[in-house]
């Protein structure tokens, strides 16, 4: 179940490093919500292109300069299968539709956008023919791509980080 990074931060400040790492194992996807666009059309709809921005920044739909944003509202998703039967038992699916293992409910994310799978000791990312692309460090993913321990990703207009428990702890404590 996804929780905000602020929730993880509160927990990290209440326990020791060792205790935190004992409680939380595996991989996590930390997704930063795109800026709200209730009054104006989204950047994708207006221009058809994705902006290039620095980590921790957003682009206003009007084309104004990027502004710093807080990571406290980022959502942390454990990289794991959701409970119940699934047609894809060996992959963790990511997309806008509610039947994905990790749901990113924003218009720039395809219904079934991408997926992660374990191959030996590493996680591999694959794009699922998404409309707005999947990116690793601003490079479009066009083939199965192994993920490093603290990778920067983008699913359409949703920026994210793929982290292990120790990097999640660092992000929770230091932003």
N, C-alpha and C. Protein backbone atom coordinates (compact mmCIF):
# COMPACT_ATOMS: atom_id res chain seq x y z
N UNK A 1 0.84 -1.18 0.00
CA UNK A 1 0.00 0.00 0.00
C UNK A 1 0.89 1.25 0.00
N UNK A 2 0.57 2.20 -0.85
CA UNK A 2 1.35 3.43 -0.96
C UNK A 2 1.12 4.34 0.24
N UNK A 3 2.20 4.97 0.68
CA UNK A 3 2.13 5.98 1.75
C UNK A 3 2.95 7.18 1.28
N UNK A 4 2.71 8.34 1.89
CA UNK A 4 3.48 9.52 1.51
C UNK A 4 4.90 9.41 2.07
N UNK A 5 5.81 10.12 1.42
CA UNK A 5 7.18 10.15 1.91
C UNK A 5 7.23 10.79 3.29
N UNK A 6 6.32 11.72 3.57
CA UNK A 6 6.25 12.34 4.91
C UNK A 6 5.94 11.28 5.97
N UNK A 7 5.06 10.33 5.67
CA UNK A 7 4.76 9.23 6.59
C UNK A 7 6.01 8.40 6.85
N UNK A 8 6.75 8.09 5.79
CA UNK A 8 7.99 7.32 5.92
C UNK A 8 9.01 8.11 6.74
N UNK A 9 9.05 9.41 6.54
CA UNK A 9 9.98 10.26 7.29
C UNK A 9 9.67 10.23 8.78
N UNK A 10 8.39 10.31 9.12
CA UNK A 10 7.99 10.24 10.53
C UNK A 10 8.45 8.92 11.15
N UNK A 11 8.24 7.83 10.43
CA UNK A 11 8.68 6.53 10.93
C UNK A 11 10.20 6.47 11.07
N UNK A 12 10.92 6.98 10.08
CA UNK A 12 12.38 6.94 10.09
C UNK A 12 12.97 7.73 11.27
N UNK A 13 12.30 8.79 11.67
CA UNK A 13 12.77 9.60 12.80
C UNK A 13 12.45 8.95 14.15
N UNK A 14 11.53 7.99 14.16
CA UNK A 14 11.14 7.34 15.41
C UNK A 14 11.91 6.05 15.70
N UNK A 15 12.73 5.57 14.78
CA UNK A 15 13.44 4.31 15.02
C UNK A 15 14.88 4.41 14.55
N UNK A 16 15.67 3.44 14.91
CA UNK A 16 17.08 3.42 14.49
C UNK A 16 17.17 2.98 13.03
N UNK A 17 18.31 3.24 12.42
CA UNK A 17 18.56 2.83 11.04
C UNK A 17 18.38 1.32 10.90
N UNK A 18 18.99 0.55 11.81
CA UNK A 18 18.92 -0.91 11.74
C UNK A 18 17.48 -1.40 11.86
N UNK A 19 16.71 -0.79 12.75
CA UNK A 19 15.31 -1.19 12.92
C UNK A 19 14.51 -0.89 11.66
N UNK A 20 14.72 0.27 11.06
CA UNK A 20 14.03 0.65 9.83
C UNK A 20 14.35 -0.37 8.73
N UNK A 21 15.63 -0.72 8.58
CA UNK A 21 16.03 -1.65 7.52
C UNK A 21 15.56 -3.08 7.79
N UNK A 22 15.39 -3.44 9.05
CA UNK A 22 14.82 -4.76 9.38
C UNK A 22 13.34 -4.82 9.00
N UNK A 23 12.62 -3.73 9.23
CA UNK A 23 11.18 -3.68 8.94
C UNK A 23 10.89 -3.64 7.45
N UNK A 24 11.75 -2.96 6.71
CA UNK A 24 11.46 -2.68 5.30
C UNK A 24 12.57 -3.23 4.41
N UNK A 25 12.21 -4.19 3.61
CA UNK A 25 13.16 -4.81 2.68
C UNK A 25 12.60 -4.66 1.27
N UNK A 26 13.42 -4.91 0.32
CA UNK A 26 12.96 -4.90 -1.06
C UNK A 26 13.16 -3.55 -1.73
N UNK A 27 12.38 -3.35 -2.78
CA UNK A 27 12.49 -2.14 -3.60
C UNK A 27 11.23 -1.31 -3.48
N UNK A 28 11.38 -0.01 -3.77
CA UNK A 28 10.27 0.94 -3.66
C UNK A 28 10.30 1.89 -4.85
N UNK A 29 9.13 2.32 -5.28
CA UNK A 29 8.99 3.34 -6.30
C UNK A 29 8.44 4.58 -5.62
N UNK A 30 9.22 5.65 -5.62
CA UNK A 30 8.82 6.92 -5.01
C UNK A 30 8.37 7.82 -6.15
N UNK A 31 7.07 8.09 -6.23
CA UNK A 31 6.50 8.84 -7.35
C UNK A 31 6.08 10.23 -6.91
N UNK A 32 6.54 11.23 -7.63
CA UNK A 32 6.19 12.62 -7.37
C UNK A 32 5.01 12.98 -8.26
N UNK A 33 3.91 13.38 -7.65
CA UNK A 33 2.72 13.72 -8.42
C UNK A 33 3.00 14.89 -9.34
N UNK A 34 2.47 14.83 -10.57
CA UNK A 34 2.61 15.99 -11.45
C UNK A 34 1.80 17.15 -10.90
N UNK A 35 2.11 18.38 -11.31
CA UNK A 35 1.37 19.52 -10.79
C UNK A 35 -0.11 19.42 -11.15
N UNK A 36 -0.99 19.90 -10.26
CA UNK A 36 -2.42 19.84 -10.56
C UNK A 36 -2.75 20.70 -11.77
N UNK A 37 -3.74 20.27 -12.52
CA UNK A 37 -4.11 21.02 -13.72
C UNK A 37 -5.62 21.15 -13.84
N UNK A 38 -6.28 21.42 -12.72
CA UNK A 38 -7.75 21.50 -12.74
C UNK A 38 -8.25 22.71 -13.54
N UNK A 39 -7.53 23.83 -13.49
CA UNK A 39 -7.99 25.03 -14.20
C UNK A 39 -7.45 25.13 -15.61
N UNK A 40 -6.28 24.54 -15.84
CA UNK A 40 -5.64 24.66 -17.15
C UNK A 40 -5.36 23.27 -17.70
N UNK A 41 -5.29 23.12 -19.01
CA UNK A 41 -4.97 21.81 -19.58
C UNK A 41 -3.55 21.42 -19.18
N UNK A 42 -3.29 20.12 -19.13
CA UNK A 42 -1.95 19.67 -18.74
C UNK A 42 -0.93 20.03 -19.80
N UNK A 43 0.32 20.03 -19.43
CA UNK A 43 1.41 20.36 -20.34
C UNK A 43 1.39 19.41 -21.53
N UNK A 44 1.11 18.13 -21.28
CA UNK A 44 1.08 17.15 -22.37
C UNK A 44 -0.02 17.46 -23.37
N UNK A 45 -1.19 17.84 -22.89
CA UNK A 45 -2.30 18.11 -23.78
C UNK A 45 -2.04 19.37 -24.59
N UNK A 46 -1.45 20.39 -23.97
CA UNK A 46 -1.25 21.66 -24.65
C UNK A 46 -0.18 21.58 -25.73
N UNK A 47 0.93 20.90 -25.45
CA UNK A 47 2.04 20.93 -26.39
C UNK A 47 2.30 19.59 -27.06
N UNK A 48 1.83 18.51 -26.46
CA UNK A 48 2.13 17.19 -27.00
C UNK A 48 3.53 16.72 -26.68
N UNK A 49 4.29 17.51 -25.91
CA UNK A 49 5.67 17.15 -25.57
C UNK A 49 5.86 17.18 -24.07
N UNK A 50 6.83 16.41 -23.60
CA UNK A 50 7.17 16.42 -22.19
C UNK A 50 8.28 17.42 -21.93
N UNK A 51 8.19 18.21 -20.85
CA UNK A 51 9.24 19.17 -20.55
C UNK A 51 10.46 18.46 -19.98
N UNK A 52 11.63 19.06 -20.13
CA UNK A 52 12.83 18.57 -19.47
C UNK A 52 13.01 19.43 -18.23
N UNK A 53 12.98 18.81 -17.07
CA UNK A 53 13.11 19.55 -15.82
C UNK A 53 14.12 18.86 -14.93
N UNK A 54 14.64 19.60 -13.97
CA UNK A 54 15.55 19.03 -12.99
C UNK A 54 14.77 18.24 -11.97
N UNK A 55 15.46 17.31 -11.31
CA UNK A 55 14.83 16.52 -10.27
C UNK A 55 14.31 17.44 -9.18
N UNK A 56 13.07 17.22 -8.73
CA UNK A 56 12.49 18.03 -7.67
C UNK A 56 11.91 19.34 -8.16
N UNK A 57 11.68 19.48 -9.47
CA UNK A 57 11.08 20.69 -10.01
C UNK A 57 9.86 20.31 -10.84
N UNK A 58 8.97 21.27 -11.03
CA UNK A 58 7.79 21.05 -11.86
C UNK A 58 7.72 22.15 -12.90
N UNK A 59 6.93 21.91 -13.93
CA UNK A 59 6.73 22.93 -14.96
C UNK A 59 5.27 23.35 -14.91
N UNK A 60 5.06 24.65 -14.82
CA UNK A 60 3.70 25.17 -14.82
C UNK A 60 3.10 25.02 -16.21
N UNK A 61 1.80 24.74 -16.33
CA UNK A 61 1.18 24.58 -17.64
C UNK A 61 1.33 25.80 -18.53
N UNK A 62 1.47 26.99 -17.95
CA UNK A 62 1.59 28.21 -18.75
C UNK A 62 2.94 28.34 -19.42
N UNK A 63 3.91 27.47 -19.08
CA UNK A 63 5.24 27.58 -19.63
C UNK A 63 6.13 28.44 -18.78
N UNK A 64 5.67 28.83 -17.60
CA UNK A 64 6.49 29.63 -16.69
C UNK A 64 7.68 28.81 -16.24
N UNK A 65 8.64 29.46 -15.64
CA UNK A 65 9.86 28.78 -15.18
C UNK A 65 9.54 27.73 -14.13
N UNK A 66 10.33 26.62 -14.09
CA UNK A 66 10.11 25.59 -13.09
C UNK A 66 10.31 26.15 -11.69
N UNK A 67 9.59 25.56 -10.74
CA UNK A 67 9.76 25.97 -9.35
C UNK A 67 10.08 24.75 -8.50
N UNK A 68 10.77 24.96 -7.41
CA UNK A 68 11.11 23.85 -6.52
C UNK A 68 9.84 23.28 -5.91
N UNK A 69 9.86 22.01 -5.63
CA UNK A 69 8.70 21.37 -5.04
C UNK A 69 9.14 20.48 -3.90
N UNK A 70 8.24 20.19 -3.00
CA UNK A 70 8.55 19.38 -1.82
C UNK A 70 8.36 17.91 -2.13
N UNK A 71 9.27 17.09 -1.62
CA UNK A 71 9.14 15.65 -1.77
C UNK A 71 8.21 15.06 -0.72
N UNK A 72 7.80 15.84 0.28
CA UNK A 72 7.00 15.28 1.37
C UNK A 72 5.69 14.68 0.88
N UNK A 73 5.15 15.18 -0.21
CA UNK A 73 3.91 14.65 -0.75
C UNK A 73 4.10 13.50 -1.72
N UNK A 74 5.34 13.14 -2.01
CA UNK A 74 5.60 12.01 -2.92
C UNK A 74 5.00 10.74 -2.33
N UNK A 75 4.54 9.86 -3.19
CA UNK A 75 3.96 8.59 -2.77
C UNK A 75 5.00 7.49 -2.91
N UNK A 76 5.12 6.66 -1.87
CA UNK A 76 6.07 5.55 -1.87
C UNK A 76 5.28 4.26 -2.06
N UNK A 77 5.58 3.55 -3.15
CA UNK A 77 4.91 2.30 -3.49
C UNK A 77 5.89 1.15 -3.34
N UNK A 78 5.61 0.18 -2.47
CA UNK A 78 6.46 -1.01 -2.44
C UNK A 78 6.38 -1.72 -3.80
N UNK A 79 7.51 -2.18 -4.30
CA UNK A 79 7.53 -2.89 -5.58
C UNK A 79 7.19 -4.35 -5.28
N UNK A 80 5.89 -4.64 -5.38
CA UNK A 80 5.41 -5.98 -5.07
C UNK A 80 4.07 -6.20 -5.75
N UNK A 81 3.69 -7.46 -5.89
CA UNK A 81 2.40 -7.79 -6.47
C UNK A 81 1.28 -7.42 -5.51
N UNK A 82 0.16 -6.95 -6.03
CA UNK A 82 -1.00 -6.70 -5.18
C UNK A 82 -1.64 -8.03 -4.85
N UNK A 83 -2.39 -8.10 -3.75
CA UNK A 83 -3.04 -9.36 -3.37
C UNK A 83 -4.08 -9.80 -4.39
N UNK A 84 -4.30 -11.08 -4.47
CA UNK A 84 -5.32 -11.62 -5.35
C UNK A 84 -4.75 -12.20 -6.62
N UNK A 85 -5.61 -12.83 -7.41
CA UNK A 85 -5.16 -13.43 -8.67
C UNK A 85 -4.73 -12.37 -9.67
N UNK A 86 -3.77 -12.73 -10.51
CA UNK A 86 -3.25 -11.78 -11.49
C UNK A 86 -2.87 -12.51 -12.77
N UNK A 87 -3.10 -11.90 -13.93
CA UNK A 87 -2.70 -12.54 -15.18
C UNK A 87 -1.18 -12.45 -15.43
N UNK A 88 -0.47 -11.61 -14.64
CA UNK A 88 0.97 -11.43 -14.84
C UNK A 88 1.72 -11.71 -13.53
N UNK A 89 1.86 -12.98 -13.15
CA UNK A 89 2.44 -13.28 -11.84
C UNK A 89 3.92 -12.97 -11.70
N UNK A 90 4.65 -12.81 -12.79
CA UNK A 90 6.10 -12.58 -12.70
C UNK A 90 6.50 -11.13 -12.90
N UNK A 91 5.54 -10.23 -13.03
CA UNK A 91 5.89 -8.83 -13.23
C UNK A 91 5.06 -7.93 -12.32
N UNK A 92 5.66 -6.81 -11.95
CA UNK A 92 4.96 -5.79 -11.18
C UNK A 92 4.55 -4.71 -12.18
N UNK A 93 3.25 -4.59 -12.40
CA UNK A 93 2.74 -3.67 -13.42
C UNK A 93 2.58 -2.27 -12.86
N UNK A 94 2.79 -1.28 -13.74
CA UNK A 94 2.68 0.14 -13.38
C UNK A 94 1.79 0.81 -14.41
N UNK A 95 0.79 1.57 -13.94
CA UNK A 95 -0.06 2.28 -14.88
C UNK A 95 -1.19 3.02 -14.18
N UNK A 96 -2.03 3.65 -14.99
CA UNK A 96 -3.14 4.46 -14.49
C UNK A 96 -4.32 3.61 -14.04
N UNK A 97 -4.52 2.45 -14.65
CA UNK A 97 -5.68 1.60 -14.33
C UNK A 97 -5.56 0.99 -12.94
N UNK A 98 -6.70 0.84 -12.29
CA UNK A 98 -6.75 0.35 -10.90
C UNK A 98 -6.28 -1.09 -10.75
N UNK A 99 -6.21 -1.86 -11.83
CA UNK A 99 -5.79 -3.25 -11.71
C UNK A 99 -4.27 -3.43 -11.77
N UNK A 100 -3.51 -2.35 -11.85
CA UNK A 100 -2.05 -2.44 -11.82
C UNK A 100 -1.57 -2.67 -10.39
N UNK A 101 -0.36 -3.20 -10.27
CA UNK A 101 0.24 -3.38 -8.94
C UNK A 101 0.62 -2.04 -8.34
N UNK A 102 1.13 -1.13 -9.17
CA UNK A 102 1.44 0.24 -8.75
C UNK A 102 0.59 1.16 -9.61
N UNK A 103 -0.31 1.89 -8.97
CA UNK A 103 -1.24 2.76 -9.70
C UNK A 103 -0.75 4.20 -9.62
N UNK A 104 -0.55 4.81 -10.79
CA UNK A 104 -0.18 6.22 -10.92
C UNK A 104 -1.33 6.88 -11.67
N UNK A 105 -2.32 7.42 -10.93
CA UNK A 105 -3.60 7.83 -11.54
C UNK A 105 -3.61 9.21 -12.19
N UNK A 106 -2.72 9.45 -13.15
CA UNK A 106 -2.67 10.74 -13.81
C UNK A 106 -2.77 10.57 -15.32
N UNK A 107 -3.33 11.56 -16.01
CA UNK A 107 -3.58 11.44 -17.45
C UNK A 107 -2.35 11.15 -18.31
N UNK A 108 -1.17 11.61 -17.92
CA UNK A 108 0.05 11.37 -18.71
C UNK A 108 0.59 9.96 -18.59
N UNK A 109 -0.05 9.14 -17.76
CA UNK A 109 0.35 7.75 -17.57
C UNK A 109 -0.65 6.87 -18.30
N UNK A 110 -0.16 5.91 -19.09
CA UNK A 110 -1.05 4.99 -19.80
C UNK A 110 -1.72 4.03 -18.83
N UNK A 111 -2.84 3.45 -19.26
CA UNK A 111 -3.57 2.50 -18.41
C UNK A 111 -2.64 1.37 -17.95
N UNK A 112 -1.89 0.79 -18.85
CA UNK A 112 -0.82 -0.17 -18.53
C UNK A 112 0.44 0.42 -19.14
N UNK A 113 1.26 1.06 -18.32
CA UNK A 113 2.35 1.90 -18.82
C UNK A 113 3.67 1.14 -18.94
N UNK A 114 4.05 0.42 -17.88
CA UNK A 114 5.35 -0.25 -17.85
C UNK A 114 5.28 -1.38 -16.83
N UNK A 115 6.35 -2.15 -16.76
CA UNK A 115 6.40 -3.17 -15.71
C UNK A 115 7.83 -3.47 -15.30
N UNK A 116 7.95 -3.98 -14.08
CA UNK A 116 9.23 -4.37 -13.50
C UNK A 116 9.22 -5.88 -13.30
N UNK A 117 10.36 -6.51 -13.51
CA UNK A 117 10.48 -7.95 -13.29
C UNK A 117 11.86 -8.25 -12.72
N UNK A 118 11.92 -9.26 -11.85
CA UNK A 118 13.19 -9.71 -11.30
C UNK A 118 13.84 -10.64 -12.33
N UNK A 119 15.09 -10.37 -12.62
CA UNK A 119 15.88 -11.26 -13.47
C UNK A 119 17.17 -11.52 -12.71
N UNK A 120 17.22 -12.67 -12.08
CA UNK A 120 18.35 -12.98 -11.21
C UNK A 120 18.30 -12.10 -9.98
N UNK A 121 19.36 -11.36 -9.75
CA UNK A 121 19.45 -10.47 -8.58
C UNK A 121 19.04 -9.03 -8.88
N UNK A 122 18.70 -8.73 -10.13
CA UNK A 122 18.39 -7.33 -10.47
C UNK A 122 16.95 -7.16 -10.94
N UNK A 123 16.50 -5.92 -10.83
CA UNK A 123 15.19 -5.53 -11.37
C UNK A 123 15.40 -5.00 -12.78
N UNK A 124 14.48 -5.36 -13.67
CA UNK A 124 14.53 -4.91 -15.06
C UNK A 124 13.24 -4.16 -15.35
N UNK A 125 13.36 -3.01 -16.02
CA UNK A 125 12.23 -2.17 -16.40
C UNK A 125 11.92 -2.35 -17.88
N UNK A 126 10.63 -2.48 -18.19
CA UNK A 126 10.19 -2.56 -19.59
C UNK A 126 9.03 -1.60 -19.79
N UNK A 127 9.03 -0.90 -20.91
CA UNK A 127 7.90 -0.07 -21.29
C UNK A 127 6.84 -0.98 -21.91
N UNK A 128 5.57 -0.69 -21.68
CA UNK A 128 4.47 -1.52 -22.20
C UNK A 128 3.80 -0.82 -23.38
N UNK A 129 4.60 -0.25 -24.27
CA UNK A 129 4.06 0.46 -25.44
C UNK A 129 3.23 1.66 -25.02
N UNK A 130 3.70 2.38 -24.00
CA UNK A 130 2.95 3.52 -23.46
C UNK A 130 2.92 4.68 -24.44
N UNK A 131 1.90 5.52 -24.31
CA UNK A 131 1.74 6.67 -25.21
C UNK A 131 2.81 7.74 -25.00
N UNK A 132 3.17 8.02 -23.74
CA UNK A 132 4.08 9.12 -23.45
C UNK A 132 5.46 8.66 -22.98
N UNK A 133 5.73 7.38 -23.05
CA UNK A 133 7.07 6.86 -22.81
C UNK A 133 7.43 6.62 -21.36
N UNK A 134 8.43 5.76 -21.21
CA UNK A 134 9.05 5.44 -19.94
C UNK A 134 10.51 5.81 -20.08
N UNK A 135 11.06 6.50 -19.08
CA UNK A 135 12.43 7.01 -19.18
C UNK A 135 13.24 6.63 -17.96
N UNK A 136 14.50 6.28 -18.19
CA UNK A 136 15.49 6.08 -17.14
C UNK A 136 16.53 7.16 -17.32
N UNK A 137 16.66 8.05 -16.33
CA UNK A 137 17.61 9.17 -16.40
C UNK A 137 17.47 9.93 -17.71
N UNK A 138 16.23 10.27 -18.08
CA UNK A 138 15.90 11.04 -19.28
C UNK A 138 16.23 10.35 -20.60
N UNK A 139 16.47 9.03 -20.56
CA UNK A 139 16.68 8.25 -21.79
C UNK A 139 15.49 7.31 -21.93
N UNK A 140 14.84 7.38 -23.08
CA UNK A 140 13.63 6.56 -23.29
C UNK A 140 13.98 5.07 -23.25
N UNK A 141 13.19 4.31 -22.52
CA UNK A 141 13.37 2.87 -22.41
C UNK A 141 12.70 2.22 -23.62
N UNK A 142 13.50 1.57 -24.48
CA UNK A 142 12.96 0.90 -25.66
C UNK A 142 13.22 -0.60 -25.63
N UNK A 143 14.02 -1.05 -24.69
CA UNK A 143 14.34 -2.47 -24.53
C UNK A 143 14.40 -2.76 -23.03
N UNK A 144 14.37 -4.02 -22.63
CA UNK A 144 14.50 -4.33 -21.20
C UNK A 144 15.76 -3.67 -20.64
N UNK A 145 15.59 -2.94 -19.52
CA UNK A 145 16.68 -2.14 -18.97
C UNK A 145 16.88 -2.44 -17.49
N UNK A 146 18.07 -2.95 -17.10
CA UNK A 146 18.35 -3.17 -15.68
C UNK A 146 18.35 -1.85 -14.92
N UNK A 147 17.83 -1.88 -13.69
CA UNK A 147 17.74 -0.67 -12.88
C UNK A 147 18.82 -0.63 -11.81
N UNK A 148 19.57 0.47 -11.72
CA UNK A 148 20.50 0.62 -10.61
C UNK A 148 19.74 0.89 -9.31
N UNK A 149 20.43 0.84 -8.18
CA UNK A 149 19.81 0.95 -6.86
C UNK A 149 19.06 2.25 -6.61
N UNK A 150 19.48 3.35 -7.18
CA UNK A 150 18.81 4.64 -6.96
C UNK A 150 18.62 5.31 -8.32
N UNK A 151 17.67 4.77 -9.09
CA UNK A 151 17.46 5.23 -10.46
C UNK A 151 16.39 6.31 -10.52
N UNK A 152 16.58 7.29 -11.39
CA UNK A 152 15.56 8.30 -11.65
C UNK A 152 14.77 7.85 -12.88
N UNK A 153 13.45 7.86 -12.74
CA UNK A 153 12.56 7.37 -13.78
C UNK A 153 11.52 8.42 -14.11
N UNK A 154 10.86 8.23 -15.25
CA UNK A 154 9.70 9.05 -15.59
C UNK A 154 8.72 8.16 -16.35
N UNK A 155 7.47 8.21 -15.93
CA UNK A 155 6.38 7.52 -16.59
C UNK A 155 5.45 8.60 -17.12
N UNK A 156 5.54 8.92 -18.43
CA UNK A 156 4.80 10.06 -18.96
C UNK A 156 5.29 11.31 -18.26
N UNK A 157 4.40 12.02 -17.55
CA UNK A 157 4.80 13.24 -16.84
C UNK A 157 4.99 13.02 -15.34
N UNK A 158 5.01 11.77 -14.90
CA UNK A 158 5.22 11.45 -13.49
C UNK A 158 6.68 11.06 -13.27
N UNK A 159 7.38 11.87 -12.48
CA UNK A 159 8.77 11.57 -12.15
C UNK A 159 8.82 10.66 -10.94
N UNK A 160 9.79 9.76 -10.91
CA UNK A 160 9.87 8.79 -9.83
C UNK A 160 11.32 8.39 -9.59
N UNK A 161 11.52 7.73 -8.46
CA UNK A 161 12.82 7.12 -8.15
C UNK A 161 12.58 5.68 -7.77
N UNK A 162 13.46 4.81 -8.23
CA UNK A 162 13.45 3.41 -7.88
C UNK A 162 14.55 3.23 -6.84
N UNK A 163 14.17 2.88 -5.61
CA UNK A 163 15.14 2.84 -4.51
C UNK A 163 15.03 1.53 -3.73
N UNK A 164 16.13 1.17 -3.07
CA UNK A 164 16.08 0.08 -2.12
C UNK A 164 15.79 0.68 -0.75
N UNK A 165 15.72 -0.16 0.29
CA UNK A 165 15.33 0.31 1.63
C UNK A 165 16.31 1.34 2.19
N UNK A 166 17.61 1.15 1.97
CA UNK A 166 18.58 2.11 2.51
C UNK A 166 18.47 3.47 1.81
N UNK A 167 18.21 3.47 0.51
CA UNK A 167 18.02 4.74 -0.19
C UNK A 167 16.68 5.37 0.17
N UNK A 168 15.65 4.55 0.45
CA UNK A 168 14.38 5.09 0.93
C UNK A 168 14.58 5.78 2.28
N UNK A 169 15.36 5.16 3.17
CA UNK A 169 15.65 5.76 4.46
C UNK A 169 16.35 7.10 4.29
N UNK A 170 17.36 7.14 3.42
CA UNK A 170 18.08 8.39 3.15
C UNK A 170 17.14 9.45 2.61
N UNK A 171 16.27 9.09 1.67
CA UNK A 171 15.32 10.03 1.11
C UNK A 171 14.31 10.49 2.16
N UNK A 172 13.86 9.58 3.01
CA UNK A 172 12.89 9.92 4.06
C UNK A 172 13.49 10.88 5.08
N UNK A 173 14.77 10.71 5.37
CA UNK A 173 15.42 11.56 6.38
C UNK A 173 15.89 12.90 5.82
N UNK A 174 16.34 12.90 4.57
CA UNK A 174 16.99 14.09 4.03
C UNK A 174 16.31 14.70 2.82
N UNK A 175 15.23 14.10 2.35
CA UNK A 175 14.50 14.66 1.22
C UNK A 175 15.10 14.49 -0.11
